Amino acid sequence: MKTIGKTLGFLLVICFLFSFIKQEHARITFETNHKDYQDFVSLFYQYHPKATSLNLSDTFELRNNILIYSRKLAHDGWSYQAIEKGYLKHVTSYQTAKGFHVRYQQLQQIGSDAFNDMWRLQEPPQNGLEAEKTLSLLLNYLHMPTDLTGDIKQIEPVLKQFSSSLAPADPFWDQLASLVQMYYTSTNPLSYTTFSRQLHQLRYVLATQQAQWVRDHYGNTGKLNDAKALAKYLATLEETDYSLNESSRYHNKVATRTKADGNLQAIYPDQLPQTNYKVLVHFHSEFILSESGHFLLALDPCSQNLNGIINGASFNYSNQNDDLHKHLDVDPIDLYEPDFIEKTITNPQQEFKTPDLKQQADHADPIFSRNNKSLKQLTKSAVKTFKKLLDHYRGDFKTEEP
């Protein structure tokens, strides 16, 4: 019995030592991994002096949570200042890990108050690599897919990562465009990378987010069509905030077939002859509308159609229609375009083509003209109709809605 007792005692000692060593190893590993974030502990107490009254166990847990989330945020790509003043300062429920987690979840929604608290304190990048780091943070928070498939369900979780308060005229879009400009101008000539492909395809997601925002805030729960909802929104802005005059040539692609008499016949997307026109907010936020008053989107949660896939809107990373616009928004199409869009446009059975400048201006062009009017004239007429709608909402006319 004595031998058994000694053996059991020895085993208990071994188990204790093993458990102690394991815990000590975990502690040392934790401290090593979080040593660069120790300063955040004292900074936290400066913002939350009442935390000094916590008991020993809660104090230990609080310290761990401060270190864990500070490290997590740094790895996400946030600066020291943003973590300190944009996150730790605003964690008010700090007794358990839940308070830290809730705040962390809130700041991952782009445009939310929690996100903006961080964003305004983020140190501006000074070069392409730093810009890429901040852009990666955004793509990760959005859960941006590597490649868009055209399935609306794929982007539903992405759209949920935008705050409902993030309007098309929000300053955030200018800041995002500046980041992309800094990144892209450091990668000239363009080369294929997964990151660049995601960044380009994000343009279609942003166009959907902004169109949905207009529908949600100005569509009167679906009672107004897209053109009326957009006009109603634009009426709240300064006239210098938007433009109705940018060319929509690239958004009026048409296919052709040869008739029995040898002449060409235009084949419009969805078999519906109509002209599409463009509205820009701060140049970045792009809205393409059909004559029938519907937003054209490659990824439309309300009504996906061929015209939207072929001629739909995409966010512009450039500030104006110049060489930079070509580098940021046009050239990347050849490398990074979603397959579902490219295959639809270049279908050998029915290839859709963009009119050139001559075809656009020719009132007798067999493909792009209608009713003896050139595409340019047709577009101008569609914009004129929209302008009347806009004037109505601006109160410039006392007439009925056109």
Foldseek 3Di string as FASTA:
>chain_A
DVVVVVVVVVVVVVVVVVVVVVVVVVVVVLCVLQVVQQVLLVLLCVLVVVVVPDDPVQNVQLSSLSSVLLSVVVVLQFDPQLCRFLQSNPQPPRSHNVSNVVLVLQLLQPPGPSVVSSVVRGDDDDAQVSLLSVVSSNCVSLVQDLFDDLDLVVNPSSLRSYDLPDEQQDCVLLVNLVSLLRNLVVCPPPDDDSSLLSVQVVQLVVLQSNLVSLCVPQVPVVPRFSLLSVLLVCLVDDPVQKDQPDDLLQLFWWWWDQDPVRDIATQGWVSDDWAKGWMDGLNFHIFIATLVRHTQGSNHPVDHGLSNLRRHGTGFSDRDPDVSSCSGRNVCCVPRPRPVSVCSQCVVVIHIDGDDPVQQQQLPRNYQHDPSGGSVRRRVVSSVLSVQSSCVSNVVDPDDHD
